[in-house]
Amino acid sequence: MRTRECFRRLILLAALPLAGCAHTDAYVWVDEVPTSQIAAPNPGDYVIASGDVLAIRVYNQDGLSTRGRVRPDGKIGVPLAGEIDALGKRPADVAKDIEAHLKPFFVAPAVVVAVEEIQPLQISVLGEVAHPGAFSLTPGAGVLQALAIAGGTTQFADRERIFVIRKRTIGAPLRIRFSYEQTTKGAGNGVSFQLLSGDVVTVE
């Protein structure tokens, strides 16, 4: 048992630097995280990811309407408009870009972009769980779902030291602490917190 415990802790320690967290004591409790960062964005604020399937409709131009998957380079091909950057943009913004590319050919083109298929969340669960590793989860999943797919916590786990490490565009990654007991009771923000692709869940 002692060997197994040491092995799990080595996995955790080795993975934390990869997650960008150099100082393991720095964290914020989930109840201290701004509400805007707790839940996934509203449908109107959804940001397109690589692999998403988009339905593009050009009004009164059925031949230009199309459906396709966003490529790894972040682009999607649209008839006559050419290659359009979609990665990291809202569907409404992509629609405006397509309209701009079509203006040389049509008067006041009108485009609607809808996300038909969203890629599953890609997260990692490490530390004192039965089956550490990388997993796919349904968008909207939280910490409890991540722990469940990893087989739950081990007998050595400190359920008051569960963390989500989230990369940010500016500054160091955010290290968010959860209490298993409070989250399972539905108390505080932990129950409504939604994971994002790239998040790393660690159990100490």
C-alpha atoms as a PDB file:
ATOM      1  CA  MET A   1       0.000   0.000   0.000  1.00  0.00           C
ATOM      2  CA  ARG A   2       2.808   2.394   0.875  1.00  0.00           C
ATOM      3  CA  THR A   3       4.410   1.836  -2.537  1.00  0.00           C
ATOM      4  CA  ARG A   4       1.128   2.514  -4.265  1.00  0.00           C
ATOM      5  CA  GLU A   5       0.591   5.700  -2.273  1.00  0.00           C
ATOM      6  CA  CYS A   6       4.081   6.965  -3.109  1.00  0.00           C
ATOM      7  CA  PHE A   7       3.527   6.199  -6.785  1.00  0.00           C
ATOM      8  CA  ARG A   8       0.311   8.223  -6.891  1.00  0.00           C
ATOM      9  CA  ARG A   9       1.926  11.159  -5.162  1.00  0.00           C
ATOM     10  CA  LEU A  10       4.821  11.084  -7.636  1.00  0.00           C
ATOM     11  CA  ILE A  11       2.330  11.243 -10.513  1.00  0.00           C
ATOM     12  CA  LEU A  12       0.668  14.246  -8.921  1.00  0.00           C
ATOM     13  CA  LEU A  13       3.934  16.063  -8.263  1.00  0.00           C
ATOM     14  CA  ALA A  14       5.188  15.408 -11.780  1.00  0.00           C
ATOM     15  CA  ALA A  15       1.955  16.630 -13.379  1.00  0.00           C
ATOM     16  CA  LEU A  16       1.541  19.878 -11.482  1.00  0.00           C
ATOM     17  CA  PRO A  17       4.403  21.708 -13.238  1.00  0.00           C
ATOM     18  CA  LEU A  18       2.904  20.690 -16.567  1.00  0.00           C
ATOM     19  CA  ALA A  19      -0.306  22.337 -15.492  1.00  0.00           C
ATOM     20  CA  GLY A  20       1.650  25.541 -14.958  1.00  0.00           C
ATOM     21  CA  CYS A  21       1.332  25.715 -11.191  1.00  0.00           C
ATOM     22  CA  ALA A  22       4.754  26.367  -9.752  1.00  0.00           C
ATOM     23  CA  HIS A  23       3.619  27.123  -6.199  1.00  0.00           C
ATOM     24  CA  THR A  24       1.297  24.413  -4.933  1.00  0.00           C
ATOM     25  CA  ASP A  25       0.184  26.373  -1.844  1.00  0.00           C
ATOM     26  CA  ALA A  26      -1.343  29.212  -3.884  1.00  0.00           C
ATOM     27  CA  TYR A  27      -5.072  28.758  -4.453  1.00  0.00           C
ATOM     28  CA  VAL A  28      -8.496  30.350  -4.158  1.00  0.00           C
ATOM     29  CA  TRP A  29     -11.583  28.646  -2.767  1.00  0.00           C
ATOM     30  CA  VAL A  30     -14.277  28.076  -5.357  1.00  0.00           C
ATOM     31  CA  ASP A  31     -16.614  30.403  -3.427  1.00  0.00           C
ATOM     32  CA  GLU A  32     -14.114  33.237  -3.993  1.00  0.00           C
ATOM     33  CA  VAL A  33     -14.031  32.804  -7.771  1.00  0.00           C
ATOM     34  CA  PRO A  34     -16.074  35.424  -9.696  1.00  0.00           C
ATOM     35  CA  THR A  35     -19.465  34.143 -10.777  1.00  0.00           C
ATOM     36  CA  SER A  36     -18.559  34.772 -14.416  1.00  0.00           C
ATOM     37  CA  GLN A  37     -15.883  32.061 -14.160  1.00  0.00           C
ATOM     38  CA  ILE A  38     -18.054  29.483 -12.395  1.00  0.00           C
ATOM     39  CA  ALA A  39     -20.426  28.401 -15.142  1.00  0.00           C
ATOM     40  CA  ALA A  40     -19.936  27.893 -18.841  1.00  0.00           C
ATOM     41  CA  PRO A  41     -20.913  30.841 -21.050  1.00  0.00           C
ATOM     42  CA  ASN A  42     -24.467  31.350 -22.241  1.00  0.00           C
ATOM     43  CA  PRO A  43     -25.222  29.991 -25.725  1.00  0.00           C
ATOM     44  CA  GLY A  44     -24.918  33.512 -27.175  1.00  0.00           C
ATOM     45  CA  ASP A  45     -21.435  33.821 -25.680  1.00  0.00           C
ATOM     46  CA  TYR A  46     -20.200  30.387 -26.734  1.00  0.00           C
ATOM     47  CA  VAL A  47     -16.686  30.422 -28.154  1.00  0.00           C
ATOM     48  CA  ILE A  48     -16.085  28.061 -31.064  1.00  0.00           C
ATOM     49  CA  ALA A  49     -13.521  25.323 -30.531  1.00  0.00           C
ATOM     50  CA  SER A  50     -11.555  23.149 -32.912  1.00  0.00           C
ATOM     51  CA  GLY A  51     -13.671  20.190 -34.013  1.00  0.00           C
ATOM     52  CA  ASP A  52     -17.032  21.924 -33.552  1.00  0.00           C
ATOM     53  CA  VAL A  53     -19.515  21.424 -36.386  1.00  0.00           C
ATOM     54  CA  LEU A  54     -20.983  24.656 -37.759  1.00  0.00           C
ATOM     55  CA  ALA A  55     -24.103  25.118 -39.860  1.00  0.00           C
ATOM     56  CA  ILE A  56     -23.747  28.210 -42.047  1.00  0.00           C
ATOM     57  CA  ARG A  57     -26.841  29.597 -43.733  1.00  0.00           C
ATOM     58  CA  VAL A  58     -26.704  32.367 -46.317  1.00  0.00           C
ATOM     59  CA  TYR A  59     -30.208  33.766 -46.835  1.00  0.00           C
ATOM     60  CA  ASN A  60     -31.500  33.614 -50.389  1.00  0.00           C
ATOM     61  CA  GLN A  61     -28.303  31.845 -51.456  1.00  0.00           C
ATOM     62  CA  ASP A  62     -28.911  28.176 -50.766  1.00  0.00           C
ATOM     63  CA  GLY A  63     -25.946  27.183 -52.903  1.00  0.00           C
ATOM     64  CA  LEU A  64     -23.613  28.962 -50.494  1.00  0.00           C
ATOM     65  CA  SER A  65     -25.100  27.499 -47.331  1.00  0.00           C
ATOM     66  CA  THR A  66     -22.908  24.785 -45.894  1.00  0.00           C
ATOM     67  CA  ARG A  67     -22.109  22.634 -42.909  1.00  0.00           C
ATOM     68  CA  GLY A  68     -18.632  21.676 -41.752  1.00  0.00           C
ATOM     69  CA  ARG A  69     -16.229  20.970 -38.941  1.00  0.00           C
ATOM     70  CA  VAL A  70     -13.730  23.543 -37.686  1.00  0.00           C
ATOM     71  CA  ARG A  71     -10.303  22.244 -38.641  1.00  0.00           C
ATOM     72  CA  PRO A  72      -7.316  22.043 -36.254  1.00  0.00           C
ATOM     73  CA  ASP A  73      -5.979  25.249 -37.850  1.00  0.00           C
ATOM     74  CA  GLY A  74      -9.148  27.013 -36.653  1.00  0.00           C
ATOM     75  CA  LYS A  75     -10.602  27.623 -40.117  1.00  0.00           C
ATOM     76  CA  ILE A  76     -13.695  26.507 -41.983  1.00  0.00           C
ATOM     77  CA  GLY A  77     -14.279  26.685 -45.724  1.00  0.00           C
ATOM     78  CA  VAL A  78     -17.298  28.611 -47.029  1.00  0.00           C
ATOM     79  CA  PRO A  79     -18.261  28.676 -50.725  1.00  0.00           C
ATOM     80  CA  LEU A  80     -17.235  31.950 -52.395  1.00  0.00           C
ATOM     81  CA  ALA A  81     -16.166  33.457 -49.044  1.00  0.00           C
ATOM     82  CA  GLY A  82     -13.121  31.176 -48.828  1.00  0.00           C
ATOM     83  CA  GLU A  83     -11.296  30.192 -45.633  1.00  0.00           C
ATOM     84  CA  ILE A  84     -12.802  31.800 -42.545  1.00  0.00           C
ATOM     85  CA  ASP A  85     -11.184  31.931 -39.101  1.00  0.00           C
ATOM     86  CA  ALA A  86     -13.635  30.472 -36.567  1.00  0.00           C
ATOM     87  CA  LEU A  87     -11.547  29.274 -33.618  1.00  0.00           C
ATOM     88  CA  GLY A  88     -12.043  31.361 -30.475  1.00  0.00           C
ATOM     89  CA  LYS A  89     -14.871  33.431 -31.974  1.00  0.00           C
ATOM     90  CA  ARG A  90     -18.579  33.583 -31.223  1.00  0.00           C
ATOM     91  CA  PRO A  91     -20.923  32.234 -33.944  1.00  0.00           C
ATOM     92  CA  ALA A  92     -22.342  35.746 -34.489  1.00  0.00           C
ATOM     93  CA  ASP A  93     -18.838  37.115 -35.080  1.00  0.00           C
ATOM     94  CA  VAL A  94     -18.069  34.388 -37.608  1.00  0.00           C
ATOM     95  CA  ALA A  95     -21.330  35.234 -39.402  1.00  0.00           C
ATOM     96  CA  LYS A  96     -20.222  38.884 -39.665  1.00  0.00           C
ATOM     97  CA  ASP A  97     -16.844  37.823 -41.066  1.00  0.00           C
ATOM     98  CA  ILE A  98     -18.543  35.705 -43.727  1.00  0.00           C
ATOM     99  CA  GLU A  99     -20.852  38.589 -44.624  1.00  0.00           C
ATOM    100  CA  ALA A 100     -17.828  40.850 -45.080  1.00  0.00           C
ATOM    101  CA  HIS A 101     -16.234  38.331 -47.454  1.00  0.00           C
ATOM    102  CA  LEU A 102     -19.463  38.048 -49.476  1.00  0.00           C
ATOM    103  CA  LYS A 103     -20.141  41.789 -49.853  1.00  0.00           C
ATOM    104  CA  PRO A 104     -18.110  42.076 -53.071  1.00  0.00           C
ATOM    105  CA  PHE A 105     -20.517  39.569 -54.640  1.00  0.00           C
ATOM    106  CA  PHE A 106     -23.911  40.371 -53.104  1.00  0.00           C
ATOM    107  CA  VAL A 107     -25.805  43.383 -51.795  1.00  0.00           C
ATOM    108  CA  ALA A 108     -26.291  43.158 -48.011  1.00  0.00           C
ATOM    109  CA  PRO A 109     -25.619  39.422 -47.555  1.00  0.00           C
ATOM    110  CA  ALA A 110     -27.223  37.934 -44.436  1.00  0.00           C
ATOM    111  CA  VAL A 111     -25.545  34.991 -42.709  1.00  0.00           C
ATOM    112  CA  VAL A 112     -26.436  32.934 -39.658  1.00  0.00           C
ATOM    113  CA  VAL A 113     -23.961  30.549 -38.030  1.00  0.00           C
ATOM    114  CA  ALA A 114     -25.147  27.872 -35.612  1.00  0.00           C
ATOM    115  CA  VAL A 115     -23.075  25.354 -33.645  1.00  0.00           C
ATOM    116  CA  GLU A 116     -24.604  21.953 -34.368  1.00  0.00           C
ATOM    117  CA  GLU A 117     -22.083  19.767 -32.581  1.00  0.00           C
ATOM    118  CA  ILE A 118     -19.836  20.705 -29.668  1.00  0.00           C
ATOM    119  CA  GLN A 119     -16.700  18.748 -28.931  1.00  0.00           C
ATOM    120  CA  PRO A 120     -16.594  16.999 -25.530  1.00  0.00           C
ATOM    121  CA  LEU A 121     -14.519  18.463 -22.730  1.00  0.00           C
ATOM    122  CA  GLN A 122     -10.965  17.142 -22.547  1.00  0.00           C
ATOM    123  CA  ILE A 123      -9.731  17.135 -18.940  1.00  0.00           C
ATOM    124  CA  SER A 124      -7.175  15.340 -16.766  1.00  0.00           C
ATOM    125  CA  VAL A 125      -7.766  13.878 -13.306  1.00  0.00           C
ATOM    126  CA  LEU A 126      -4.649  13.233 -11.225  1.00  0.00           C
ATOM    127  CA  GLY A 127      -3.564  12.345  -7.712  1.00  0.00           C
ATOM    128  CA  GLU A 128      -5.509  10.247  -5.205  1.00  0.00           C
ATOM    129  CA  VAL A 129      -8.114   8.779  -7.550  1.00  0.00           C
ATOM    130  CA  ALA A 130      -8.616   5.178  -8.585  1.00  0.00           C
ATOM    131  CA  HIS A 131      -7.818   5.710 -12.268  1.00  0.00           C
ATOM    132  CA  PRO A 132      -5.814   8.879 -12.981  1.00  0.00           C
ATOM    133  CA  GLY A 133      -5.654   9.950 -16.593  1.00  0.00           C
ATOM    134  CA  ALA A 134      -7.191  12.011 -19.381  1.00  0.00           C
ATOM    135  CA  PHE A 135     -10.935  11.835 -19.960  1.00  0.00           C
ATOM    136  CA  SER A 136     -13.714  13.207 -22.144  1.00  0.00           C
ATOM    137  CA  LEU A 137     -16.755  14.692 -20.437  1.00  0.00           C
ATOM    138  CA  THR A 138     -20.022  16.179 -21.593  1.00  0.00           C
ATOM    139  CA  PRO A 139     -19.988  20.008 -21.664  1.00  0.00           C
ATOM    140  CA  GLY A 140     -21.402  21.323 -18.404  1.00  0.00           C
ATOM    141  CA  ALA A 141     -19.792  18.623 -16.258  1.00  0.00           C
ATOM    142  CA  GLY A 142     -18.346  19.567 -12.889  1.00  0.00           C
ATOM    143  CA  VAL A 143     -15.790  18.288 -10.400  1.00  0.00           C
ATOM    144  CA  LEU A 144     -17.979  15.467  -9.072  1.00  0.00           C
ATOM    145  CA  GLN A 145     -18.462  14.067 -12.581  1.00  0.00           C
ATOM    146  CA  ALA A 146     -14.705  14.235 -13.146  1.00  0.00           C
ATOM    147  CA  LEU A 147     -14.027  12.312  -9.933  1.00  0.00           C
ATOM    148  CA  ALA A 148     -16.667   9.743 -10.818  1.00  0.00           C
ATOM    149  CA  ILE A 149     -15.226   9.027 -14.275  1.00  0.00           C
ATOM    150  CA  ALA A 150     -11.804   8.561 -12.634  1.00  0.00           C
ATOM    151  CA  GLY A 151     -13.239   5.910 -10.304  1.00  0.00           C
ATOM    152  CA  GLY A 152     -13.578   8.107  -7.219  1.00  0.00           C
ATOM    153  CA  THR A 153     -11.027   9.037  -4.591  1.00  0.00           C
ATOM    154  CA  THR A 154      -8.702   6.586  -2.839  1.00  0.00           C
ATOM    155  CA  GLN A 155      -8.479   5.870   0.885  1.00  0.00           C
ATOM    156  CA  PHE A 156      -5.461   8.184   1.058  1.00  0.00           C
ATOM    157  CA  ALA A 157      -7.264  11.200  -0.430  1.00  0.00           C
ATOM    158  CA  ASP A 158      -7.752  14.427   1.482  1.00  0.00           C
ATOM    159  CA  ARG A 159     -11.246  15.362   0.352  1.00  0.00           C
ATOM    160  CA  GLU A 160     -10.747  18.899   1.567  1.00  0.00           C
ATOM    161  CA  ARG A 161      -7.857  19.337  -0.891  1.00  0.00           C
ATOM    162  CA  ILE A 162      -9.417  18.905  -4.312  1.00  0.00           C
ATOM    163  CA  PHE A 163      -8.220  21.430  -6.892  1.00  0.00           C
ATOM    164  CA  VAL A 164      -8.984  22.505 -10.427  1.00  0.00           C
ATOM    165  CA  ILE A 165      -6.022  24.023 -12.267  1.00  0.00           C
ATOM    166  CA  ARG A 166      -7.207  26.269 -15.080  1.00  0.00           C
ATOM    167  CA  LYS A 167      -5.006  28.063 -17.593  1.00  0.00           C
ATOM    168  CA  ARG A 168      -5.674  31.751 -18.201  1.00  0.00           C
ATOM    169  CA  THR A 169      -4.824  33.878 -21.202  1.00  0.00           C
ATOM    170  CA  ILE A 170      -3.036  36.353 -18.932  1.00  0.00           C
ATOM    171  CA  GLY A 171      -1.069  35.498 -15.809  1.00  0.00           C
ATOM    172  CA  ALA A 172      -0.452  32.258 -13.980  1.00  0.00           C
ATOM    173  CA  PRO A 173      -2.974  29.409 -14.031  1.00  0.00           C
ATOM    174  CA  LEU A 174      -5.815  29.653 -11.531  1.00  0.00           C
ATOM    175  CA  ARG A 175      -5.784  26.987  -8.805  1.00  0.00           C
ATOM    176  CA  ILE A 176      -9.279  26.553  -7.394  1.00  0.00           C
ATOM    177  CA  ARG A 177      -9.883  24.568  -4.215  1.00  0.00           C
ATOM    178  CA  PHE A 178     -12.973  22.459  -3.482  1.00  0.00           C
ATOM    179  CA  SER A 179     -14.379  20.677  -0.450  1.00  0.00           C
ATOM    180  CA  TYR A 180     -15.840  17.301  -1.412  1.00  0.00           C
ATOM    181  CA  GLU A 181     -18.276  17.386   1.501  1.00  0.00           C
ATOM    182  CA  GLN A 182     -19.561  20.868   0.724  1.00  0.00           C
ATOM    183  CA  THR A 183     -19.850  20.124  -2.984  1.00  0.00           C
ATOM    184  CA  THR A 184     -21.787  16.890  -2.486  1.00  0.00           C
ATOM    185  CA  LYS A 185     -24.148  18.726  -0.125  1.00  0.00           C
ATOM    186  CA  GLY A 186     -24.811  21.345  -2.796  1.00  0.00           C
ATOM    187  CA  ALA A 187     -23.377  24.125  -0.643  1.00  0.00           C
ATOM    188  CA  GLY A 188     -21.555  27.078  -2.204  1.00  0.00           C
ATOM    189  CA  ASN A 189     -20.346  27.512  -5.765  1.00  0.00           C
ATOM    190  CA  GLY A 190     -18.755  24.080  -6.066  1.00  0.00           C
ATOM    191  CA  VAL A 191     -21.963  22.412  -7.218  1.00  0.00           C
ATOM    192  CA  SER A 192     -22.502  24.908 -10.076  1.00  0.00           C
ATOM    193  CA  PHE A 193     -18.850  25.093 -11.164  1.00  0.00           C
ATOM    194  CA  GLN A 194     -18.422  23.819 -14.724  1.00  0.00           C
ATOM    195  CA  LEU A 195     -15.197  22.430 -16.103  1.00  0.00           C
ATOM    196  CA  LEU A 196     -13.607  23.650 -19.330  1.00  0.00           C
ATOM    197  CA  SER A 197     -11.405  21.770 -21.776  1.00  0.00           C
ATOM    198  CA  GLY A 198      -7.831  21.784 -20.561  1.00  0.00           C
ATOM    199  CA  ASP A 199      -8.729  21.836 -16.862  1.00  0.00           C
ATOM    200  CA  VAL A 200      -6.719  19.574 -14.562  1.00  0.00           C
ATOM    201  CA  VAL A 201      -8.465  18.135 -11.500  1.00  0.00           C
ATOM    202  CA  THR A 202      -6.096  17.051  -8.720  1.00  0.00           C
ATOM    203  CA  VAL A 203      -6.824  15.258  -5.457  1.00  0.00           C
ATOM    204  CA  GLU A 204      -4.157  15.426  -2.751  1.00  0.00           C
END
